[in-house]
Protein backbone atom coordinates (compact mmCIF):
# COMPACT_ATOMS: atom_id res chain seq x y z
CA MET A 1 14.93 -43.35 -66.79
CA SER A 2 13.83 -41.06 -69.57
CA ASP A 3 10.65 -40.36 -67.71
CA GLN A 4 12.57 -39.37 -64.59
CA GLY A 5 14.79 -36.99 -66.56
CA SER A 6 11.84 -35.34 -68.23
CA PHE A 7 10.11 -34.92 -64.92
CA SER A 8 13.21 -33.38 -63.38
CA GLN A 9 13.13 -30.57 -65.99
CA CYS A 10 9.58 -29.57 -65.08
CA LEU A 11 8.87 -26.73 -62.64
CA VAL A 12 7.10 -28.08 -59.60
CA ASP A 13 6.08 -25.96 -56.64
CA GLY A 14 8.08 -26.86 -53.60
CA ASP A 15 10.97 -28.44 -55.49
CA ALA A 16 14.15 -27.99 -53.43
CA GLN A 17 16.51 -27.77 -56.40
CA ALA A 18 14.40 -25.14 -58.15
CA LEU A 19 14.17 -23.06 -55.03
CA SER A 20 17.91 -23.19 -54.45
CA ARG A 21 18.62 -22.20 -58.05
CA ALA A 22 16.20 -19.26 -57.82
CA ARG A 23 17.77 -18.18 -54.55
CA ARG A 24 21.26 -18.24 -56.05
CA LEU A 25 20.08 -16.18 -59.03
CA ARG A 26 18.52 -13.57 -56.76
CA ASN A 27 21.68 -13.31 -54.69
CA LYS A 28 23.82 -12.88 -57.78
CA ALA A 29 21.51 -10.19 -59.15
CA LEU A 30 21.51 -8.36 -55.80
CA ILE A 31 25.31 -8.44 -55.57
CA ALA A 32 25.65 -7.27 -59.17
CA SER A 33 23.26 -4.34 -58.60
CA ILE A 34 25.08 -3.33 -55.40
CA ILE A 35 28.43 -3.41 -57.19
CA LEU A 36 27.05 -1.40 -60.12
CA GLU A 37 25.50 1.24 -57.85
CA GLY A 38 28.71 1.54 -55.82
CA ALA A 39 30.72 2.01 -59.00
CA LEU A 40 28.36 4.76 -60.18
CA VAL A 41 28.53 6.58 -56.83
CA ALA A 42 32.32 6.35 -56.76
CA ALA A 43 32.53 7.66 -60.32
CA MET A 44 30.30 10.61 -59.42
CA LEU A 45 32.47 11.47 -56.41
CA LEU A 46 35.84 11.02 -58.13
CA TRP A 47 34.98 12.65 -61.45
CA PRO A 48 35.22 16.29 -60.19
CA LEU A 49 38.57 15.48 -58.58
CA ILE A 50 40.05 13.91 -61.69
CA THR A 51 38.92 16.40 -64.33
CA PRO A 52 40.42 19.95 -64.02
CA GLY A 53 37.93 22.76 -63.47
CA VAL A 54 37.40 25.29 -66.22
CA LEU A 55 36.78 28.88 -65.10
CA SER A 56 34.25 30.99 -66.85
CA ARG A 57 35.59 33.54 -69.29
CA GLN A 58 36.02 37.03 -67.87
CA PHE A 59 34.89 40.05 -69.81
CA PHE A 60 36.93 43.24 -69.75
CA ILE A 61 35.01 46.39 -70.66
CA THR A 62 37.03 49.37 -71.81
CA PRO A 63 35.17 52.70 -71.48
CA VAL A 64 34.80 54.62 -74.72
CA PRO A 65 36.02 58.24 -74.61
CA PRO A 66 33.31 60.87 -75.07
CA TYR A 67 32.62 62.00 -78.58
CA SER A 68 34.32 65.33 -79.24
CA GLY A 69 32.71 66.05 -82.58
CA GLY A 70 35.47 64.78 -84.85
CA PRO A 71 38.98 66.09 -85.50
CA ASN A 72 37.84 69.52 -86.75
CA PRO A 73 34.42 70.28 -85.26
CA ALA A 74 32.55 73.20 -86.71
CA PRO A 75 32.45 76.23 -84.39
CA ALA A 76 29.18 76.95 -82.69
CA GLN A 77 27.13 79.62 -84.41
CA PRO A 78 26.13 82.55 -82.21
CA ARG A 79 22.50 83.30 -81.61
CA GLY A 80 20.72 85.85 -83.76
CA GLY A 81 22.00 84.55 -87.15
CA ALA A 82 25.14 86.79 -87.20
CA HIS A 83 28.16 85.19 -88.89
CA PRO A 84 31.53 85.78 -87.24
CA ASN A 85 34.43 87.28 -89.12
CA SER A 86 36.11 84.64 -91.29
CA SER A 87 39.64 86.03 -90.65
CA THR A 88 39.15 85.75 -86.88
CA SER A 89 37.57 82.28 -86.96
CA HIS A 90 40.51 80.76 -88.87
CA ARG A 91 43.15 81.98 -86.45
CA THR A 92 44.59 79.21 -84.31
CA ILE A 93 46.53 79.16 -81.09
CA SER A 94 49.77 78.43 -82.92
CA GLU A 95 49.38 81.66 -84.94
CA LEU A 96 48.70 83.69 -81.80
CA LEU A 97 51.75 82.29 -80.01
CA ARG A 98 54.12 82.49 -82.98
CA GLN A 99 57.67 83.61 -82.22
CA PRO A 100 58.47 87.13 -83.60
CA ALA A 101 60.76 87.34 -86.58
CA GLN A 102 63.18 89.76 -84.83
CA ILE A 103 63.77 90.55 -81.16
CA PRO A 104 64.27 94.33 -80.52
CA PRO A 105 67.68 95.22 -79.03
CA HIS A 106 66.15 97.37 -76.27
CA VAL A 107 62.78 98.18 -74.78
CA LEU A 108 61.19 101.40 -75.82
CA GLU A 109 60.44 103.69 -72.91
CA SER A 110 57.51 106.05 -72.84
CA SER A 111 58.28 109.78 -72.92
CA ASP A 112 55.35 110.64 -70.69
CA SER A 113 56.56 111.19 -67.09
CA GLU A 114 53.13 111.88 -65.61
CA PRO A 115 51.10 108.93 -64.35
CA PRO A 116 47.89 108.16 -66.21
CA GLU A 117 44.74 109.74 -64.92
CA VAL A 118 42.28 107.49 -63.20
CA GLY A 119 38.62 108.29 -63.49
CA PRO A 120 36.27 108.37 -60.57
CA GLY A 121 35.57 104.89 -59.30
CA PRO A 122 32.56 103.53 -57.49
CA GLY A 123 32.14 104.94 -54.04
CA SER A 124 34.30 108.05 -54.63
CA GLY A 125 31.48 110.46 -55.33
CA PRO A 126 29.37 112.28 -52.78
CA THR A 127 27.01 110.17 -50.80
CA ASN A 128 23.27 110.59 -50.51
CA ILE A 129 23.36 110.50 -46.73
CA ALA A 130 21.77 113.52 -45.08
CA GLY A 131 24.46 115.70 -43.53
CA GLY A 132 27.28 114.23 -45.65
CA GLU A 133 30.43 116.32 -45.89
CA GLY A 134 32.18 115.40 -49.11
CA PRO A 135 33.36 112.21 -50.73
CA GLY A 136 33.95 109.21 -48.56
CA PHE A 137 31.74 110.50 -45.76
CA GLY A 138 30.47 107.74 -43.53
CA VAL A 139 32.83 105.13 -45.03
CA PRO A 140 35.52 103.59 -42.76
CA GLY A 141 38.90 104.94 -43.88
CA GLY A 142 37.33 107.71 -46.04
CA SER A 143 38.07 111.41 -46.01
CA GLY A 144 34.91 112.47 -44.22
CA SER A 145 35.07 114.32 -40.94
CA TYR A 146 32.87 111.82 -39.09
CA PHE A 147 35.50 109.10 -38.70
CA ASN A 148 38.61 111.26 -39.25
CA GLY A 149 40.17 108.50 -41.32
CA GLN A 150 39.77 105.91 -38.52
CA PRO A 151 37.33 102.99 -38.35
CA PRO A 152 34.45 103.41 -35.94
CA PRO A 153 35.07 102.03 -32.46
CA ILE A 154 33.43 98.71 -31.68
CA LYS A 155 31.34 98.90 -28.57
CA PRO A 156 31.59 95.85 -26.28
CA PRO A 157 28.30 94.10 -25.52
CA ALA A 158 26.61 95.37 -22.45
CA ALA A 159 27.08 93.10 -19.46
CA PRO A 160 23.87 91.77 -17.93
CA GLU A 161 22.81 93.62 -14.82
CA LYS A 162 23.29 91.70 -11.61
CA PRO A 163 20.50 91.67 -9.01
CA ARG A 164 21.03 94.18 -6.25
CA PRO A 165 21.38 92.56 -2.81
CA MET A 166 18.74 93.63 -0.29
CA SER A 167 18.27 92.66 3.32
CA GLU A 168 15.54 90.25 4.32
CA GLY A 169 13.85 92.76 6.63
CA LEU A 170 13.70 95.49 3.98
CA MET A 171 12.15 93.16 1.41
CA GLU A 172 9.69 91.83 3.96
CA ALA A 173 8.42 95.38 4.40
CA ALA A 174 7.90 95.64 0.62
CA LEU A 175 5.84 92.45 0.57
CA ILE A 176 2.31 93.12 -0.74
CA TYR A 177 1.01 89.55 -1.04
CA LYS A 178 2.08 86.68 1.21
CA LEU A 179 0.74 83.15 0.95
CA GLN A 180 1.18 81.08 4.09
CA PRO A 181 2.77 77.69 3.39
CA GLU A 182 0.63 74.64 4.00
CA TYR A 183 1.87 72.37 6.77
CA PRO A 184 2.45 68.92 5.23
CA VAL A 185 0.27 66.16 6.70
CA ILE A 186 3.18 63.76 7.02
CA ALA A 187 5.13 66.43 8.90
CA LYS A 188 2.23 66.84 11.35
CA THR A 189 2.04 63.09 11.83
CA MET A 190 5.76 62.95 12.55
CA HIS A 191 5.57 66.11 14.73
CA LEU A 192 8.21 67.59 12.44
CA THR A 193 9.15 71.25 12.93
CA GLY A 194 11.96 73.38 11.63
CA THR A 195 13.10 76.34 9.58
CA VAL A 196 13.56 76.54 5.80
CA ARG A 197 15.90 79.17 4.37
CA LEU A 198 15.54 80.24 0.73
CA ARG A 199 17.44 82.49 -1.68
CA ALA A 200 15.13 84.49 -3.96
CA ILE A 201 15.61 86.72 -7.02
CA ILE A 202 12.82 89.32 -7.25
CA GLY A 203 12.20 90.58 -10.78
CA LYS A 204 11.51 94.14 -11.85
CA ASP A 205 7.79 93.43 -11.75
CA GLY A 206 7.90 92.25 -8.12
CA ARG A 207 7.45 88.56 -8.90
CA VAL A 208 9.77 85.82 -7.61
CA ARG A 209 11.86 84.93 -10.68
CA GLU A 210 14.26 82.41 -9.12
CA LEU A 211 14.14 80.44 -5.89
CA GLN A 212 16.78 78.21 -4.33
CA VAL A 213 16.54 76.13 -1.15
CA LEU A 214 19.58 76.70 1.06
CA SER A 215 18.69 74.67 4.14
CA GLY A 216 15.80 72.88 5.82
CA ASN A 217 14.00 69.54 5.87
CA PRO A 218 13.08 68.41 2.33
CA ILE A 219 9.47 67.70 3.34
CA LEU A 220 9.02 71.21 4.72
CA ALA A 221 11.13 72.80 1.94
CA ARG A 222 8.75 71.71 -0.82
CA SER A 223 5.78 73.34 0.89
CA ALA A 224 7.77 76.52 1.64
CA GLU A 225 9.04 76.82 -1.92
CA ALA A 226 5.55 76.42 -3.39
CA ALA A 227 4.17 79.18 -1.16
CA VAL A 228 7.05 81.68 -1.64
CA ARG A 229 6.79 81.47 -5.41
CA GLU A 230 3.32 83.05 -5.12
CA TRP A 231 4.55 86.05 -3.09
CA ARG A 232 4.48 89.53 -4.65
CA TYR A 233 6.69 92.50 -3.79
CA GLN A 234 6.63 96.16 -4.64
CA PRO A 235 9.09 96.89 -7.50
CA THR A 236 12.39 98.16 -6.14
CA ARG A 237 13.59 101.46 -7.59
CA LEU A 238 17.13 102.81 -7.35
CA ASN A 239 18.05 106.21 -8.84
CA GLY A 240 14.72 106.30 -10.60
CA GLU A 241 15.17 102.90 -12.31
CA THR A 242 13.50 99.59 -11.50
CA VAL A 243 16.06 96.89 -10.67
CA GLU A 244 16.11 93.21 -9.77
CA VAL A 245 16.73 92.30 -6.16
CA GLU A 246 18.48 89.37 -4.46
CA THR A 247 17.27 88.58 -0.96
CA TYR A 248 16.73 85.73 1.49
CA VAL A 249 13.50 84.32 2.86
CA THR A 250 13.06 82.39 6.12
CA VAL A 251 9.96 80.21 6.68
CA ASN A 252 9.30 78.70 10.13
CA PHE A 253 7.17 75.58 10.63
CA ILE A 254 5.87 75.38 14.20
CA LEU A 255 3.17 72.99 15.44
CA GLU A 256 0.46 74.61 17.55
């Protein structure tokens, strides 16, 4: 019997009792580790909720007033090394604004009835303008004879001259260079004919300054406008002056 008991305490590979005991120990260790890890995780999650949070300390900065040089700063010395008068430097505002010892019963009036004389001021002497006639000449409101004491009249700006209207036949006679418009190829293919009417502003030099299409097919109008812009007219003169002219131009497109 003693031999059997001693043999039962020995570790033998494949013993059922030893394997079951080892399995139970591993299960207990696994359960204990799981419980311990769960407790640690719960403590980490609940600890911030249990303990009150502490805010960081705030710092309040109070600005320091600028340095004024002390209660009685020394007065600034003037340049050049000159020392100011000591009696004047020690006078304070309270001494200057001190109440008089006795108020006079009445105000003394001056015996002089004539107004004080005023010396000649700037601008009251004779001017250096050629043809000046005394003081204040040429100055608005002065005593000169040019303005007679009144400000000079303000001239309104000159209105721009409008082009003078001229008939189409008269301007056609003054035409010195005429470029025939090119018949568009697409218009020939479509057998397109018609009339284009234009409004033209002829400058003082005889060149077409402005051109506006009034009527006509757009295909033909582009060709007519390009040709009329190259036309040149004799400058129109009225009363000895060259003027701008407003006229009309008619261009006919006819297939031969």
